[in-house]
Amino acid sequence: MSSQSPLQITVYESPEHEHHAVRCAIESFDLATDWGMPPSRTRTKGALRLGESYGNHHAPLGASDDLAARLRKDAPDTTFMLWQDPYFEEADGHYLAYVPRVGAFESSCNANGNPHIDLSDLIASLAATPTLTTAQWLAGPGATVLGTRVREAIAIYEQATLAS
């Protein structure tokens, strides 16, 4: 079994003063826009490409946790989504989306970066709030379980990226 799997990140928005920290984090994990080339050959002379995917087919397992922690610490006003693929087909990967002033959503995911919703968390949340209507639950506790606010914010960035 491999101790590596693909890791990818898309940075959607970042204030100019955080670009250096974001670029350093991306480069320290050997992520590049051209996944088939070593990062040393694809570096963009200091430019951060917002809305583009940076990746590495052979990132150490757990690198997604380390990259997310580093970005949240060194570039707290940067919006990003990352995921690390499962290391084998039946396993889960790791997904994290972060939008400043909105929050973070972290989940297991499949190889396409589609988050899995933890059924036990869902059941526990519904059981803890039996008097709420579906709409109330979705606007409150359900938004946390499902990552609604963060995922909606990321979807707006993705749509803007596709439109440009």
N, C-alpha and C. Protein backbone atom coordinates (compact mmCIF):
# COMPACT_ATOMS: atom_id res chain seq x y z
N MET A 1 0.83 -1.17 0.00
CA MET A 1 0.00 0.00 0.00
C MET A 1 0.88 1.25 0.00
N SER A 2 0.54 2.22 -0.80
CA SER A 2 1.32 3.43 -0.94
C SER A 2 1.11 4.36 0.26
N SER A 3 2.12 5.13 0.57
CA SER A 3 1.99 6.13 1.62
C SER A 3 1.88 7.52 0.99
N GLN A 4 1.47 7.54 -0.28
CA GLN A 4 1.31 8.79 -0.99
C GLN A 4 0.00 8.76 -1.78
N SER A 5 -0.53 9.95 -2.05
CA SER A 5 -1.70 10.07 -2.91
C SER A 5 -1.75 11.49 -3.45
N PRO A 6 -2.51 11.72 -4.52
CA PRO A 6 -2.60 13.06 -5.08
C PRO A 6 -3.17 14.08 -4.09
N LEU A 7 -2.60 15.26 -4.13
CA LEU A 7 -3.04 16.39 -3.32
C LEU A 7 -3.25 17.57 -4.25
N GLN A 8 -4.32 18.28 -4.08
CA GLN A 8 -4.57 19.44 -4.93
C GLN A 8 -5.21 20.57 -4.13
N ILE A 9 -4.92 21.78 -4.57
CA ILE A 9 -5.47 22.96 -3.94
C ILE A 9 -5.82 23.99 -5.01
N THR A 10 -6.90 24.70 -4.76
CA THR A 10 -7.26 25.86 -5.56
C THR A 10 -7.39 27.03 -4.61
N VAL A 11 -6.66 28.10 -4.90
CA VAL A 11 -6.75 29.33 -4.13
C VAL A 11 -7.64 30.27 -4.92
N TYR A 12 -8.73 30.69 -4.32
CA TYR A 12 -9.71 31.52 -5.03
C TYR A 12 -9.51 33.01 -4.82
N GLU A 13 -9.11 33.37 -3.62
CA GLU A 13 -8.93 34.79 -3.32
C GLU A 13 -7.86 34.90 -2.24
N SER A 14 -7.01 35.90 -2.39
CA SER A 14 -5.94 36.11 -1.44
C SER A 14 -5.49 37.57 -1.51
N PRO A 15 -5.44 38.24 -0.38
CA PRO A 15 -4.94 39.62 -0.43
C PRO A 15 -3.47 39.62 -0.84
N GLU A 16 -3.08 40.65 -1.52
CA GLU A 16 -1.71 40.76 -2.06
C GLU A 16 -0.65 40.48 -1.00
N HIS A 17 -0.85 40.98 0.21
CA HIS A 17 0.16 40.80 1.25
C HIS A 17 0.31 39.35 1.72
N GLU A 18 -0.61 38.46 1.34
CA GLU A 18 -0.50 37.04 1.70
C GLU A 18 0.00 36.17 0.56
N HIS A 19 0.16 36.73 -0.63
CA HIS A 19 0.58 35.93 -1.79
C HIS A 19 1.90 35.20 -1.55
N HIS A 20 2.86 35.88 -0.95
CA HIS A 20 4.15 35.24 -0.71
C HIS A 20 3.99 34.01 0.19
N ALA A 21 3.24 34.13 1.27
CA ALA A 21 3.03 33.00 2.18
C ALA A 21 2.32 31.85 1.48
N VAL A 22 1.35 32.17 0.64
CA VAL A 22 0.61 31.13 -0.10
C VAL A 22 1.55 30.43 -1.08
N ARG A 23 2.32 31.21 -1.83
CA ARG A 23 3.26 30.62 -2.79
C ARG A 23 4.28 29.73 -2.07
N CYS A 24 4.80 30.19 -0.95
CA CYS A 24 5.77 29.38 -0.19
C CYS A 24 5.15 28.06 0.26
N ALA A 25 3.91 28.12 0.73
CA ALA A 25 3.23 26.89 1.18
C ALA A 25 3.03 25.94 0.01
N ILE A 26 2.56 26.45 -1.10
CA ILE A 26 2.32 25.62 -2.29
C ILE A 26 3.62 24.98 -2.75
N GLU A 27 4.68 25.76 -2.82
CA GLU A 27 5.97 25.23 -3.29
C GLU A 27 6.57 24.24 -2.29
N SER A 28 6.36 24.47 -0.99
CA SER A 28 6.95 23.56 0.00
C SER A 28 6.31 22.18 -0.04
N PHE A 29 5.10 22.08 -0.60
CA PHE A 29 4.45 20.78 -0.76
C PHE A 29 4.60 20.25 -2.18
N ASP A 30 5.51 20.87 -2.94
CA ASP A 30 5.79 20.46 -4.32
C ASP A 30 4.55 20.43 -5.20
N LEU A 31 3.68 21.41 -5.02
CA LEU A 31 2.49 21.51 -5.84
C LEU A 31 2.77 22.42 -7.03
N ALA A 32 2.23 22.06 -8.18
CA ALA A 32 2.46 22.83 -9.39
C ALA A 32 1.21 22.81 -10.26
N THR A 33 1.08 23.82 -11.13
CA THR A 33 -0.09 23.87 -12.01
C THR A 33 -0.02 22.80 -13.10
N ASP A 34 1.18 22.41 -13.49
CA ASP A 34 1.35 21.32 -14.46
C ASP A 34 1.79 20.09 -13.67
N TRP A 35 0.83 19.25 -13.35
CA TRP A 35 1.10 18.13 -12.46
C TRP A 35 2.14 17.16 -13.00
N GLY A 36 2.37 17.17 -14.29
CA GLY A 36 3.31 16.23 -14.87
C GLY A 36 4.76 16.69 -14.79
N MET A 37 4.97 17.92 -14.39
CA MET A 37 6.31 18.49 -14.34
C MET A 37 6.71 18.76 -12.89
N PRO A 38 7.99 18.70 -12.61
CA PRO A 38 8.43 19.07 -11.27
C PRO A 38 8.14 20.55 -11.02
N PRO A 39 7.79 20.93 -9.78
CA PRO A 39 7.46 22.32 -9.49
C PRO A 39 8.58 23.29 -9.87
N SER A 40 9.82 22.86 -9.80
CA SER A 40 10.93 23.74 -10.15
C SER A 40 10.87 24.17 -11.61
N ARG A 41 10.20 23.38 -12.46
CA ARG A 41 10.08 23.71 -13.89
C ARG A 41 8.81 24.48 -14.21
N THR A 42 7.86 24.50 -13.28
CA THR A 42 6.57 25.14 -13.57
C THR A 42 6.30 26.35 -12.69
N ARG A 43 7.21 26.74 -11.85
CA ARG A 43 6.99 27.91 -11.01
C ARG A 43 6.74 29.12 -11.89
N THR A 44 5.92 30.01 -11.41
CA THR A 44 5.48 31.13 -12.23
C THR A 44 6.17 32.43 -11.84
N LYS A 45 7.43 32.36 -11.49
CA LYS A 45 8.20 33.55 -11.17
C LYS A 45 7.48 34.43 -10.15
N GLY A 46 6.95 33.80 -9.11
CA GLY A 46 6.35 34.56 -8.03
C GLY A 46 4.88 34.87 -8.16
N ALA A 47 4.28 34.62 -9.30
CA ALA A 47 2.86 34.94 -9.46
C ALA A 47 1.99 33.83 -8.88
N LEU A 48 0.98 34.22 -8.14
CA LEU A 48 0.01 33.27 -7.61
C LEU A 48 -1.16 33.25 -8.59
N ARG A 49 -1.50 32.08 -9.07
CA ARG A 49 -2.58 31.94 -10.05
C ARG A 49 -3.88 31.62 -9.32
N LEU A 50 -4.69 32.64 -9.10
CA LEU A 50 -5.96 32.46 -8.41
C LEU A 50 -6.92 31.69 -9.32
N GLY A 51 -7.64 30.74 -8.74
CA GLY A 51 -8.62 29.96 -9.48
C GLY A 51 -8.06 28.76 -10.21
N GLU A 52 -6.73 28.60 -10.19
CA GLU A 52 -6.12 27.43 -10.85
C GLU A 52 -5.79 26.37 -9.82
N SER A 53 -5.82 25.14 -10.27
CA SER A 53 -5.50 24.02 -9.40
C SER A 53 -3.98 23.76 -9.41
N TYR A 54 -3.43 23.62 -8.23
CA TYR A 54 -2.04 23.21 -8.05
C TYR A 54 -2.08 21.80 -7.48
N GLY A 55 -1.24 20.93 -7.96
CA GLY A 55 -1.29 19.56 -7.47
C GLY A 55 0.03 18.84 -7.50
N ASN A 56 0.01 17.70 -6.86
CA ASN A 56 1.16 16.79 -6.80
C ASN A 56 0.57 15.38 -6.73
N HIS A 57 0.95 14.53 -7.67
CA HIS A 57 0.43 13.16 -7.70
C HIS A 57 0.99 12.29 -6.57
N HIS A 58 2.07 12.72 -5.95
CA HIS A 58 2.75 11.86 -4.97
C HIS A 58 3.00 12.58 -3.65
N ALA A 59 1.97 13.17 -3.08
CA ALA A 59 2.10 13.86 -1.79
C ALA A 59 2.01 12.83 -0.66
N PRO A 60 2.79 13.01 0.38
CA PRO A 60 2.70 12.10 1.52
C PRO A 60 1.30 12.15 2.13
N LEU A 61 0.80 11.02 2.59
CA LEU A 61 -0.50 10.99 3.25
C LEU A 61 -0.46 11.94 4.45
N GLY A 62 -1.51 12.69 4.62
CA GLY A 62 -1.58 13.66 5.71
C GLY A 62 -1.08 15.04 5.34
N ALA A 63 -0.52 15.17 4.14
CA ALA A 63 -0.02 16.48 3.71
C ALA A 63 -1.15 17.50 3.63
N SER A 64 -2.36 17.05 3.35
CA SER A 64 -3.49 17.99 3.27
C SER A 64 -3.73 18.68 4.60
N ASP A 65 -3.62 17.94 5.70
CA ASP A 65 -3.77 18.54 7.03
C ASP A 65 -2.70 19.60 7.26
N ASP A 66 -1.47 19.26 6.92
CA ASP A 66 -0.35 20.18 7.14
C ASP A 66 -0.47 21.43 6.27
N LEU A 67 -0.85 21.26 5.02
CA LEU A 67 -1.00 22.40 4.12
C LEU A 67 -2.14 23.31 4.60
N ALA A 68 -3.25 22.74 4.96
CA ALA A 68 -4.38 23.54 5.44
C ALA A 68 -4.01 24.31 6.70
N ALA A 69 -3.35 23.65 7.63
CA ALA A 69 -2.94 24.32 8.87
C ALA A 69 -1.98 25.47 8.59
N ARG A 70 -1.06 25.22 7.70
CA ARG A 70 -0.08 26.27 7.37
C ARG A 70 -0.76 27.48 6.72
N LEU A 71 -1.66 27.23 5.77
CA LEU A 71 -2.34 28.35 5.12
C LEU A 71 -3.23 29.12 6.09
N ARG A 72 -3.93 28.41 6.95
CA ARG A 72 -4.81 29.09 7.90
C ARG A 72 -4.01 29.93 8.89
N LYS A 73 -2.79 29.52 9.16
CA LYS A 73 -1.92 30.27 10.08
C LYS A 73 -1.22 31.42 9.36
N ASP A 74 -0.60 31.14 8.20
CA ASP A 74 0.23 32.12 7.51
C ASP A 74 -0.53 33.02 6.55
N ALA A 75 -1.72 32.60 6.12
CA ALA A 75 -2.52 33.39 5.16
C ALA A 75 -3.99 33.32 5.56
N PRO A 76 -4.33 33.87 6.73
CA PRO A 76 -5.68 33.70 7.27
C PRO A 76 -6.80 34.37 6.47
N ASP A 77 -6.45 35.27 5.56
CA ASP A 77 -7.47 35.94 4.76
C ASP A 77 -7.55 35.38 3.34
N THR A 78 -6.99 34.20 3.14
CA THR A 78 -6.98 33.55 1.83
C THR A 78 -8.07 32.49 1.77
N THR A 79 -8.82 32.50 0.68
CA THR A 79 -9.89 31.53 0.45
C THR A 79 -9.35 30.39 -0.40
N PHE A 80 -9.53 29.16 0.06
CA PHE A 80 -9.02 28.01 -0.68
C PHE A 80 -9.86 26.78 -0.44
N MET A 81 -9.69 25.82 -1.33
CA MET A 81 -10.27 24.49 -1.19
C MET A 81 -9.18 23.50 -1.55
N LEU A 82 -9.02 22.48 -0.75
CA LEU A 82 -8.03 21.46 -1.06
C LEU A 82 -8.60 20.10 -0.75
N TRP A 83 -8.01 19.10 -1.39
CA TRP A 83 -8.32 17.73 -1.01
C TRP A 83 -7.17 16.82 -1.38
N GLN A 84 -7.07 15.78 -0.59
CA GLN A 84 -6.11 14.72 -0.86
C GLN A 84 -6.91 13.47 -1.15
N ASP A 85 -6.59 12.84 -2.28
CA ASP A 85 -7.32 11.65 -2.71
C ASP A 85 -7.15 10.51 -1.71
N PRO A 86 -8.12 9.59 -1.71
CA PRO A 86 -7.94 8.37 -0.93
C PRO A 86 -6.68 7.64 -1.40
N TYR A 87 -6.01 6.97 -0.50
CA TYR A 87 -4.79 6.28 -0.90
C TYR A 87 -5.07 4.91 -1.51
N PHE A 88 -6.28 4.42 -1.40
CA PHE A 88 -6.72 3.27 -2.18
C PHE A 88 -8.23 3.40 -2.37
N GLU A 89 -8.76 2.71 -3.33
CA GLU A 89 -10.12 2.95 -3.82
C GLU A 89 -11.20 2.94 -2.74
N GLU A 90 -11.13 2.06 -1.78
CA GLU A 90 -12.18 1.95 -0.77
C GLU A 90 -12.00 2.90 0.40
N ALA A 91 -10.91 3.64 0.44
CA ALA A 91 -10.64 4.54 1.56
C ALA A 91 -11.27 5.91 1.31
N ASP A 92 -11.19 6.76 2.30
CA ASP A 92 -11.65 8.14 2.18
C ASP A 92 -10.45 9.05 2.00
N GLY A 93 -10.66 10.12 1.28
CA GLY A 93 -9.67 11.18 1.19
C GLY A 93 -9.99 12.25 2.21
N HIS A 94 -9.33 13.40 2.09
CA HIS A 94 -9.53 14.50 3.01
C HIS A 94 -9.85 15.77 2.23
N TYR A 95 -10.93 16.45 2.59
CA TYR A 95 -11.41 17.66 1.95
C TYR A 95 -11.45 18.78 2.97
N LEU A 96 -11.02 19.98 2.56
CA LEU A 96 -11.14 21.14 3.42
C LEU A 96 -11.35 22.38 2.56
N ALA A 97 -12.38 23.13 2.88
CA ALA A 97 -12.63 24.42 2.23
C ALA A 97 -12.60 25.47 3.32
N TYR A 98 -11.96 26.60 3.02
CA TYR A 98 -11.83 27.67 4.01
C TYR A 98 -12.15 29.01 3.35
N VAL A 99 -13.08 29.73 3.95
CA VAL A 99 -13.45 31.06 3.48
C VAL A 99 -13.40 31.99 4.69
N PRO A 100 -12.49 32.96 4.68
CA PRO A 100 -12.39 33.88 5.82
C PRO A 100 -13.74 34.54 6.12
N ARG A 101 -14.02 34.73 7.38
CA ARG A 101 -15.25 35.36 7.86
C ARG A 101 -16.51 34.53 7.58
N VAL A 102 -16.36 33.38 6.94
CA VAL A 102 -17.48 32.45 6.76
C VAL A 102 -17.21 31.20 7.57
N GLY A 103 -15.99 30.65 7.44
CA GLY A 103 -15.62 29.48 8.22
C GLY A 103 -14.90 28.44 7.39
N ALA A 104 -14.82 27.27 7.97
CA ALA A 104 -14.17 26.13 7.31
C ALA A 104 -15.12 24.95 7.33
N PHE A 105 -14.98 24.12 6.33
CA PHE A 105 -15.71 22.85 6.30
C PHE A 105 -14.71 21.77 5.97
N GLU A 106 -14.65 20.77 6.83
CA GLU A 106 -13.71 19.68 6.66
C GLU A 106 -14.47 18.37 6.67
N SER A 107 -14.08 17.48 5.79
CA SER A 107 -14.80 16.22 5.64
C SER A 107 -13.91 15.19 4.98
N SER A 108 -14.32 13.95 5.07
CA SER A 108 -13.71 12.95 4.20
C SER A 108 -14.27 13.18 2.80
N CYS A 109 -13.63 12.60 1.79
CA CYS A 109 -14.09 12.82 0.42
C CYS A 109 -13.70 11.64 -0.47
N ASN A 110 -14.22 11.68 -1.69
CA ASN A 110 -13.82 10.68 -2.68
C ASN A 110 -12.67 11.23 -3.52
N ALA A 111 -12.25 10.49 -4.53
CA ALA A 111 -11.11 10.88 -5.35
C ALA A 111 -11.39 12.11 -6.21
N ASN A 112 -12.64 12.50 -6.36
CA ASN A 112 -12.99 13.70 -7.10
C ASN A 112 -13.11 14.93 -6.21
N GLY A 113 -12.84 14.76 -4.91
CA GLY A 113 -12.94 15.87 -3.98
C GLY A 113 -14.35 16.15 -3.53
N ASN A 114 -15.28 15.24 -3.78
CA ASN A 114 -16.66 15.41 -3.33
C ASN A 114 -16.75 14.99 -1.86
N PRO A 115 -17.13 15.92 -0.98
CA PRO A 115 -17.18 15.59 0.44
C PRO A 115 -18.20 14.52 0.76
N HIS A 116 -17.86 13.71 1.75
CA HIS A 116 -18.80 12.75 2.31
C HIS A 116 -19.42 13.38 3.55
N ILE A 117 -20.67 13.18 3.74
CA ILE A 117 -21.34 13.67 4.94
C ILE A 117 -21.39 12.51 5.93
N ASP A 118 -20.91 12.75 7.13
CA ASP A 118 -20.85 11.71 8.15
C ASP A 118 -22.27 11.44 8.66
N LEU A 119 -22.76 10.25 8.42
CA LEU A 119 -24.13 9.89 8.78
C LEU A 119 -24.34 9.96 10.29
N SER A 120 -23.36 9.55 11.08
CA SER A 120 -23.53 9.60 12.54
C SER A 120 -23.64 11.05 13.03
N ASP A 121 -22.87 11.98 12.43
CA ASP A 121 -22.99 13.40 12.79
C ASP A 121 -24.36 13.93 12.40
N LEU A 122 -24.83 13.53 11.24
CA LEU A 122 -26.14 13.97 10.76
C LEU A 122 -27.25 13.49 11.70
N ILE A 123 -27.21 12.22 12.07
CA ILE A 123 -28.23 11.65 12.96
C ILE A 123 -28.17 12.31 14.33
N ALA A 124 -26.96 12.50 14.85
CA ALA A 124 -26.81 13.13 16.17
C ALA A 124 -27.35 14.56 16.16
N SER A 125 -27.08 15.29 15.09
CA SER A 125 -27.57 16.66 15.00
C SER A 125 -29.10 16.70 14.92
N LEU A 126 -29.67 15.83 14.12
CA LEU A 126 -31.13 15.78 14.02
C LEU A 126 -31.76 15.35 15.34
N ALA A 127 -31.16 14.40 16.02
CA ALA A 127 -31.69 13.93 17.30
C ALA A 127 -31.60 15.00 18.38
N ALA A 128 -30.58 15.83 18.32
CA ALA A 128 -30.39 16.88 19.33
C ALA A 128 -31.34 18.05 19.14
N THR A 129 -31.99 18.11 17.98
CA THR A 129 -32.88 19.25 17.68
C THR A 129 -34.23 18.76 17.13
N PRO A 130 -34.93 17.92 17.89
CA PRO A 130 -36.15 17.30 17.35
C PRO A 130 -37.30 18.28 17.10
N THR A 131 -37.29 19.45 17.70
CA THR A 131 -38.40 20.38 17.53
C THR A 131 -38.23 21.32 16.33
N LEU A 132 -37.05 21.30 15.71
CA LEU A 132 -36.82 22.18 14.57
C LEU A 132 -37.46 21.62 13.30
N THR A 133 -37.98 22.51 12.50
CA THR A 133 -38.45 22.10 11.18
C THR A 133 -37.22 21.82 10.32
N THR A 134 -37.43 21.21 9.17
CA THR A 134 -36.31 20.95 8.26
C THR A 134 -35.62 22.25 7.87
N ALA A 135 -36.40 23.28 7.55
CA ALA A 135 -35.82 24.57 7.16
C ALA A 135 -35.01 25.18 8.31
N GLN A 136 -35.52 25.09 9.53
CA GLN A 136 -34.79 25.62 10.68
C GLN A 136 -33.50 24.85 10.90
N TRP A 137 -33.58 23.52 10.77
CA TRP A 137 -32.38 22.71 10.96
C TRP A 137 -31.33 23.02 9.90
N LEU A 138 -31.77 23.15 8.63
CA LEU A 138 -30.84 23.44 7.54
C LEU A 138 -30.20 24.81 7.71
N ALA A 139 -30.92 25.77 8.28
CA ALA A 139 -30.38 27.12 8.48
C ALA A 139 -29.50 27.20 9.73
N GLY A 140 -29.62 26.23 10.61
CA GLY A 140 -28.87 26.25 11.87
C GLY A 140 -27.87 25.11 11.96
N PRO A 141 -28.16 24.13 12.80
CA PRO A 141 -27.21 23.02 13.00
C PRO A 141 -26.86 22.27 11.73
N GLY A 142 -27.81 22.14 10.82
CA GLY A 142 -27.56 21.42 9.57
C GLY A 142 -26.51 22.10 8.70
N ALA A 143 -26.46 23.41 8.77
CA ALA A 143 -25.48 24.16 7.97
C ALA A 143 -24.05 23.78 8.38
N THR A 144 -23.86 23.49 9.65
CA THR A 144 -22.54 23.08 10.13
C THR A 144 -22.23 21.65 9.68
N VAL A 145 -23.18 20.75 9.86
CA VAL A 145 -22.97 19.35 9.49
C VAL A 145 -22.72 19.21 7.98
N LEU A 146 -23.46 19.97 7.20
CA LEU A 146 -23.37 19.87 5.74
C LEU A 146 -22.35 20.84 5.13
N GLY A 147 -21.85 21.76 5.92
CA GLY A 147 -20.90 22.74 5.41
C GLY A 147 -21.53 23.70 4.42
N THR A 148 -22.81 23.94 4.57
CA THR A 148 -23.58 24.71 3.60
C THR A 148 -23.00 26.09 3.31
N ARG A 149 -22.75 26.87 4.34
CA ARG A 149 -22.28 28.25 4.12
C ARG A 149 -20.94 28.29 3.39
N VAL A 150 -20.02 27.47 3.85
CA VAL A 150 -18.68 27.45 3.25
C VAL A 150 -18.76 26.92 1.82
N ARG A 151 -19.48 25.84 1.61
CA ARG A 151 -19.56 25.25 0.28
C ARG A 151 -20.28 26.17 -0.71
N GLU A 152 -21.29 26.92 -0.23
CA GLU A 152 -21.97 27.89 -1.10
C GLU A 152 -21.01 29.01 -1.49
N ALA A 153 -20.20 29.48 -0.54
CA ALA A 153 -19.23 30.53 -0.84
C ALA A 153 -18.20 30.04 -1.85
N ILE A 154 -17.72 28.82 -1.68
CA ILE A 154 -16.75 28.25 -2.63
C ILE A 154 -17.40 28.10 -4.01
N ALA A 155 -18.65 27.69 -4.05
CA ALA A 155 -19.35 27.53 -5.34
C ALA A 155 -19.43 28.86 -6.09
N ILE A 156 -19.60 29.96 -5.39
CA ILE A 156 -19.63 31.28 -6.03
C ILE A 156 -18.27 31.57 -6.66
N TYR A 157 -17.19 31.28 -5.95
CA TYR A 157 -15.85 31.46 -6.52
C TYR A 157 -15.63 30.57 -7.73
N GLU A 158 -16.07 29.32 -7.64
CA GLU A 158 -15.91 28.39 -8.77
C GLU A 158 -16.67 28.87 -9.99
N GLN A 159 -17.88 29.36 -9.79
CA GLN A 159 -18.67 29.87 -10.92
C GLN A 159 -18.00 31.08 -11.56
N ALA A 160 -17.45 31.96 -10.73
CA ALA A 160 -16.75 33.14 -11.25
C ALA A 160 -15.51 32.73 -12.04
N THR A 161 -14.81 31.70 -11.56
CA THR A 161 -13.63 31.20 -12.26
C THR A 161 -14.01 30.63 -13.63
N LEU A 162 -15.09 29.87 -13.68
CA LEU A 162 -15.54 29.29 -14.94
C LEU A 162 -16.01 30.36 -15.92
N ALA A 163 -16.59 31.42 -15.40
CA ALA A 163 -17.10 32.49 -16.27
C ALA A 163 -15.99 33.33 -16.87
N SER A 164 -14.83 33.35 -16.20
CA SER A 164 -13.74 34.21 -16.71
C SER A 164 -12.87 33.51 -17.73
